[in-house]
Amino acid sequence: MRRNRLSSGVHSRTGATLDYMLVIAATLPVVLVCVTMGKRIMQLVWEMLCVQVSWPFL
């Protein structure tokens, strides 16, 4: 008697490579933008913090 592959507990995962490629294709541009704009974002946050702290003394 031949058992079915799904009923034996072995699950075939076809298309897993495509899932990984889609995740990489979606997150890689976001990481690239964050890395390239990170220095400018930190400068702007620092300036904003300095303005918030110093404005009562002006």
PDB file of N, CA and C in Angstrom:
ATOM      1  N   MET A   1       0.842  -1.177   0.000  1.00  0.00           N
ATOM      2  CA  MET A   1       0.000   0.000   0.000  1.00  0.00           C
ATOM      3  C   MET A   1       0.890   1.245   0.000  1.00  0.00           C
ATOM      4  N   ARG A   2       0.641   2.110  -0.952  1.00  0.00           N
ATOM      5  CA  ARG A   2       1.450   3.317  -1.106  1.00  0.00           C
ATOM      6  C   ARG A   2       0.825   4.478  -0.349  1.00  0.00           C
ATOM      7  N   ARG A   3       1.627   5.161   0.455  1.00  0.00           N
ATOM      8  CA  ARG A   3       1.117   6.291   1.242  1.00  0.00           C
ATOM      9  C   ARG A   3       1.286   7.588   0.463  1.00  0.00           C
ATOM     10  N   ASN A   4       0.381   8.487   0.696  1.00  0.00           N
ATOM     11  CA  ASN A   4       0.452   9.798   0.074  1.00  0.00           C
ATOM     12  C   ASN A   4       1.559  10.617   0.744  1.00  0.00           C
ATOM     13  N   ARG A   5       2.210  11.486  -0.024  1.00  0.00           N
ATOM     14  CA  ARG A   5       3.309  12.279   0.516  1.00  0.00           C
ATOM     15  C   ARG A   5       2.822  13.256   1.596  1.00  0.00           C
ATOM     16  N   LEU A   6       1.660  13.843   1.434  1.00  0.00           N
ATOM     17  CA  LEU A   6       1.140  14.794   2.417  1.00  0.00           C
ATOM     18  C   LEU A   6       0.704  14.107   3.702  1.00  0.00           C
ATOM     19  N   SER A   7       0.196  12.900   3.605  1.00  0.00           N
ATOM     20  CA  SER A   7      -0.273  12.221   4.804  1.00  0.00           C
ATOM     21  C   SER A   7       0.871  11.617   5.612  1.00  0.00           C
ATOM     22  N   SER A   8       2.048  11.504   5.016  1.00  0.00           N
ATOM     23  CA  SER A   8       3.170  10.921   5.743  1.00  0.00           C
ATOM     24  C   SER A   8       3.942  11.953   6.561  1.00  0.00           C
ATOM     25  N   GLY A   9       3.558  13.207   6.491  1.00  0.00           N
ATOM     26  CA  GLY A   9       4.210  14.236   7.289  1.00  0.00           C
ATOM     27  C   GLY A   9       5.317  14.964   6.551  1.00  0.00           C
ATOM     28  N   VAL A  10       5.641  14.562   5.349  1.00  0.00           N
ATOM     29  CA  VAL A  10       6.663  15.231   4.561  1.00  0.00           C
ATOM     30  C   VAL A  10       5.961  16.247   3.665  1.00  0.00           C
ATOM     31  N   HIS A  11       6.301  17.520   3.873  1.00  0.00           N
ATOM     32  CA  HIS A  11       5.656  18.568   3.081  1.00  0.00           C
ATOM     33  C   HIS A  11       6.653  19.105   2.062  1.00  0.00           C
ATOM     34  N   SER A  12       6.248  19.111   0.846  1.00  0.00           N
ATOM     35  CA  SER A  12       7.092  19.638  -0.212  1.00  0.00           C
ATOM     36  C   SER A  12       6.903  21.148  -0.286  1.00  0.00           C
ATOM     37  N   ARG A  13       7.998  21.894  -0.212  1.00  0.00           N
ATOM     38  CA  ARG A  13       7.940  23.354  -0.228  1.00  0.00           C
ATOM     39  C   ARG A  13       8.543  23.827  -1.542  1.00  0.00           C
ATOM     40  N   THR A  14       7.719  23.922  -2.541  1.00  0.00           N
ATOM     41  CA  THR A  14       8.202  24.424  -3.814  1.00  0.00           C
ATOM     42  C   THR A  14       7.988  25.921  -3.868  1.00  0.00           C
ATOM     43  N   GLY A  15       8.913  26.630  -4.460  1.00  0.00           N
ATOM     44  CA  GLY A  15       8.806  28.072  -4.590  1.00  0.00           C
ATOM     45  C   GLY A  15       9.401  28.833  -3.426  1.00  0.00           C
ATOM     46  N   ALA A  16      10.134  28.169  -2.536  1.00  0.00           N
ATOM     47  CA  ALA A  16      10.733  28.859  -1.400  1.00  0.00           C
ATOM     48  C   ALA A  16      11.804  29.841  -1.872  1.00  0.00           C
ATOM     49  N   THR A  17      12.523  29.494  -2.915  1.00  0.00           N
ATOM     50  CA  THR A  17      13.544  30.393  -3.434  1.00  0.00           C
ATOM     51  C   THR A  17      12.916  31.668  -3.960  1.00  0.00           C
ATOM     52  N   LEU A  18      11.774  31.554  -4.576  1.00  0.00           N
ATOM     53  CA  LEU A  18      11.069  32.743  -5.065  1.00  0.00           C
ATOM     54  C   LEU A  18      10.649  33.635  -3.905  1.00  0.00           C
ATOM     55  N   ASP A  19      10.216  33.044  -2.805  1.00  0.00           N
ATOM     56  CA  ASP A  19       9.853  33.828  -1.631  1.00  0.00           C
ATOM     57  C   ASP A  19      11.047  34.599  -1.098  1.00  0.00           C
ATOM     58  N   TYR A  20      12.194  33.943  -1.013  1.00  0.00           N
ATOM     59  CA  TYR A  20      13.400  34.616  -0.534  1.00  0.00           C
ATOM     60  C   TYR A  20      13.798  35.756  -1.467  1.00  0.00           C
ATOM     61  N   MET A  21      13.710  35.535  -2.754  1.00  0.00           N
ATOM     62  CA  MET A  21      14.069  36.580  -3.713  1.00  0.00           C
ATOM     63  C   MET A  21      13.118  37.774  -3.615  1.00  0.00           C
ATOM     64  N   LEU A  22      11.829  37.536  -3.398  1.00  0.00           N
ATOM     65  CA  LEU A  22      10.884  38.629  -3.261  1.00  0.00           C
ATOM     66  C   LEU A  22      11.141  39.437  -1.992  1.00  0.00           C
ATOM     67  N   VAL A  23      11.498  38.763  -0.900  1.00  0.00           N
ATOM     68  CA  VAL A  23      11.814  39.469   0.349  1.00  0.00           C
ATOM     69  C   VAL A  23      13.069  40.312   0.173  1.00  0.00           C
ATOM     70  N   ILE A  24      14.083  39.756  -0.466  1.00  0.00           N
ATOM     71  CA  ILE A  24      15.316  40.506  -0.701  1.00  0.00           C
ATOM     72  C   ILE A  24      15.049  41.685  -1.626  1.00  0.00           C
ATOM     73  N   ALA A  25      14.248  41.479  -2.654  1.00  0.00           N
ATOM     74  CA  ALA A  25      13.960  42.560  -3.596  1.00  0.00           C
ATOM     75  C   ALA A  25      13.146  43.666  -2.947  1.00  0.00           C
ATOM     76  N   ALA A  26      12.373  43.354  -1.925  1.00  0.00           N
ATOM     77  CA  ALA A  26      11.567  44.373  -1.260  1.00  0.00           C
ATOM     78  C   ALA A  26      12.359  45.104  -0.182  1.00  0.00           C
ATOM     79  N   THR A  27      13.253  44.419   0.527  1.00  0.00           N
ATOM     80  CA  THR A  27      13.956  45.055   1.645  1.00  0.00           C
ATOM     81  C   THR A  27      15.273  45.698   1.243  1.00  0.00           C
ATOM     82  N   LEU A  28      15.909  45.228   0.203  1.00  0.00           N
ATOM     83  CA  LEU A  28      17.199  45.776  -0.189  1.00  0.00           C
ATOM     84  C   LEU A  28      17.121  47.256  -0.561  1.00  0.00           C
ATOM     85  N   PRO A  29      16.144  47.723  -1.327  1.00  0.00           N
ATOM     86  CA  PRO A  29      16.074  49.172  -1.596  1.00  0.00           C
ATOM     87  C   PRO A  29      15.832  50.002  -0.339  1.00  0.00           C
ATOM     88  N   VAL A  30      15.057  49.498   0.596  1.00  0.00           N
ATOM     89  CA  VAL A  30      14.810  50.231   1.843  1.00  0.00           C
ATOM     90  C   VAL A  30      16.097  50.356   2.646  1.00  0.00           C
ATOM     91  N   VAL A  31      16.857  49.282   2.740  1.00  0.00           N
ATOM     92  CA  VAL A  31      18.133  49.313   3.456  1.00  0.00           C
ATOM     93  C   VAL A  31      19.103  50.263   2.761  1.00  0.00           C
ATOM     94  N   LEU A  32      19.131  50.242   1.452  1.00  0.00           N
ATOM     95  CA  LEU A  32      20.025  51.115   0.700  1.00  0.00           C
ATOM     96  C   LEU A  32      19.701  52.588   0.951  1.00  0.00           C
ATOM     97  N   VAL A  33      18.427  52.940   0.968  1.00  0.00           N
ATOM     98  CA  VAL A  33      18.033  54.320   1.238  1.00  0.00           C
ATOM     99  C   VAL A  33      18.395  54.710   2.662  1.00  0.00           C
ATOM    100  N   CYS A  34      18.159  53.833   3.616  1.00  0.00           N
ATOM    101  CA  CYS A  34      18.492  54.135   5.019  1.00  0.00           C
ATOM    102  C   CYS A  34      19.982  54.332   5.211  1.00  0.00           C
ATOM    103  N   VAL A  35      20.796  53.529   4.556  1.00  0.00           N
ATOM    104  CA  VAL A  35      22.239  53.645   4.712  1.00  0.00           C
ATOM    105  C   VAL A  35      22.742  54.932   4.063  1.00  0.00           C
ATOM    106  N   THR A  36      22.252  55.250   2.876  1.00  0.00           N
ATOM    107  CA  THR A  36      22.754  56.432   2.181  1.00  0.00           C
ATOM    108  C   THR A  36      22.259  57.726   2.814  1.00  0.00           C
ATOM    109  N   MET A  37      21.068  57.730   3.376  1.00  0.00           N
ATOM    110  CA  MET A  37      20.519  58.951   3.961  1.00  0.00           C
ATOM    111  C   MET A  37      20.689  59.004   5.477  1.00  0.00           C
ATOM    112  N   GLY A  38      21.320  58.009   6.056  1.00  0.00           N
ATOM    113  CA  GLY A  38      21.445  57.937   7.507  1.00  0.00           C
ATOM    114  C   GLY A  38      22.184  59.103   8.119  1.00  0.00           C
ATOM    115  N   LYS A  39      23.288  59.520   7.505  1.00  0.00           N
ATOM    116  CA  LYS A  39      24.081  60.619   8.055  1.00  0.00           C
ATOM    117  C   LYS A  39      23.277  61.915   8.046  1.00  0.00           C
ATOM    118  N   ARG A  40      22.592  62.184   6.974  1.00  0.00           N
ATOM    119  CA  ARG A  40      21.788  63.414   6.881  1.00  0.00           C
ATOM    120  C   ARG A  40      20.638  63.387   7.878  1.00  0.00           C
ATOM    121  N   ILE A  41      20.012  62.240   8.049  1.00  0.00           N
ATOM    122  CA  ILE A  41      18.907  62.118   9.010  1.00  0.00           C
ATOM    123  C   ILE A  41      19.422  62.374  10.421  1.00  0.00           C
ATOM    124  N   MET A  42      20.594  61.826  10.764  1.00  0.00           N
ATOM    125  CA  MET A  42      21.150  62.054  12.100  1.00  0.00           C
ATOM    126  C   MET A  42      21.496  63.523  12.310  1.00  0.00           C
ATOM    127  N   GLN A  43      22.003  64.199  11.283  1.00  0.00           N
ATOM    128  CA  GLN A  43      22.297  65.621  11.400  1.00  0.00           C
ATOM    129  C   GLN A  43      21.023  66.432  11.639  1.00  0.00           C
ATOM    130  N   LEU A  44      19.967  66.104  10.914  1.00  0.00           N
ATOM    131  CA  LEU A  44      18.711  66.835  11.091  1.00  0.00           C
ATOM    132  C   LEU A  44      18.106  66.601  12.471  1.00  0.00           C
ATOM    133  N   VAL A  45      18.186  65.381  12.959  1.00  0.00           N
ATOM    134  CA  VAL A  45      17.666  65.093  14.296  1.00  0.00           C
ATOM    135  C   VAL A  45      18.476  65.844  15.347  1.00  0.00           C
ATOM    136  N   TRP A  46      19.794  65.909  15.183  1.00  0.00           N
ATOM    137  CA  TRP A  46      20.637  66.630  16.131  1.00  0.00           C
ATOM    138  C   TRP A  46      20.305  68.128  16.129  1.00  0.00           C
ATOM    139  N   GLU A  47      20.121  68.705  14.951  1.00  0.00           N
ATOM    140  CA  GLU A  47      19.760  70.117  14.869  1.00  0.00           C
ATOM    141  C   GLU A  47      18.398  70.376  15.507  1.00  0.00           C
ATOM    142  N   MET A  48      17.457  69.495  15.278  1.00  0.00           N
ATOM    143  CA  MET A  48      16.133  69.655  15.868  1.00  0.00           C
ATOM    144  C   MET A  48      16.210  69.580  17.391  1.00  0.00           C
ATOM    145  N   LEU A  49      16.997  68.666  17.903  1.00  0.00           N
ATOM    146  CA  LEU A  49      17.159  68.539  19.346  1.00  0.00           C
ATOM    147  C   LEU A  49      17.818  69.785  19.947  1.00  0.00           C
ATOM    148  N   CYS A  50      18.835  70.294  19.264  1.00  0.00           N
ATOM    149  CA  CYS A  50      19.495  71.507  19.751  1.00  0.00           C
ATOM    150  C   CYS A  50      18.543  72.696  19.769  1.00  0.00           C
ATOM    151  N   VAL A  51      17.717  72.832  18.756  1.00  0.00           N
ATOM    152  CA  VAL A  51      16.746  73.921  18.712  1.00  0.00           C
ATOM    153  C   VAL A  51      15.720  73.780  19.836  1.00  0.00           C
ATOM    154  N   GLN A  52      15.260  72.578  20.086  1.00  0.00           N
ATOM    155  CA  GLN A  52      14.274  72.369  21.141  1.00  0.00           C
ATOM    156  C   GLN A  52      14.848  72.676  22.510  1.00  0.00           C
ATOM    157  N   VAL A  53      16.113  72.387  22.720  1.00  0.00           N
ATOM    158  CA  VAL A  53      16.727  72.631  24.029  1.00  0.00           C
ATOM    159  C   VAL A  53      17.067  74.104  24.207  1.00  0.00           C
ATOM    160  N   SER A  54      17.512  74.774  23.143  1.00  0.00           N
ATOM    161  CA  SER A  54      18.048  76.130  23.285  1.00  0.00           C
ATOM    162  C   SER A  54      17.022  77.237  23.071  1.00  0.00           C
ATOM    163  N   TRP A  55      15.834  76.956  22.543  1.00  0.00           N
ATOM    164  CA  TRP A  55      14.927  78.055  22.221  1.00  0.00           C
ATOM    165  C   TRP A  55      14.470  78.868  23.430  1.00  0.00           C
ATOM    166  N   PRO A  56      14.330  78.323  24.630  1.00  0.00           N
ATOM    167  CA  PRO A  56      13.917  79.205  25.738  1.00  0.00           C
ATOM    168  C   PRO A  56      14.972  80.233  26.125  1.00  0.00           C
ATOM    169  N   PHE A  57      16.223  79.989  25.777  1.00  0.00           N
ATOM    170  CA  PHE A  57      17.318  80.874  26.167  1.00  0.00           C
ATOM    171  C   PHE A  57      17.605  81.944  25.127  1.00  0.00           C
ATOM    172  N   LEU A  58      16.886  81.939  24.014  1.00  0.00           N
ATOM    173  CA  LEU A  58      17.147  82.937  22.966  1.00  0.00           C
ATOM    174  C   LEU A  58      16.406  84.220  23.224  1.00  0.00           C
TER     175      LEU A  58
END
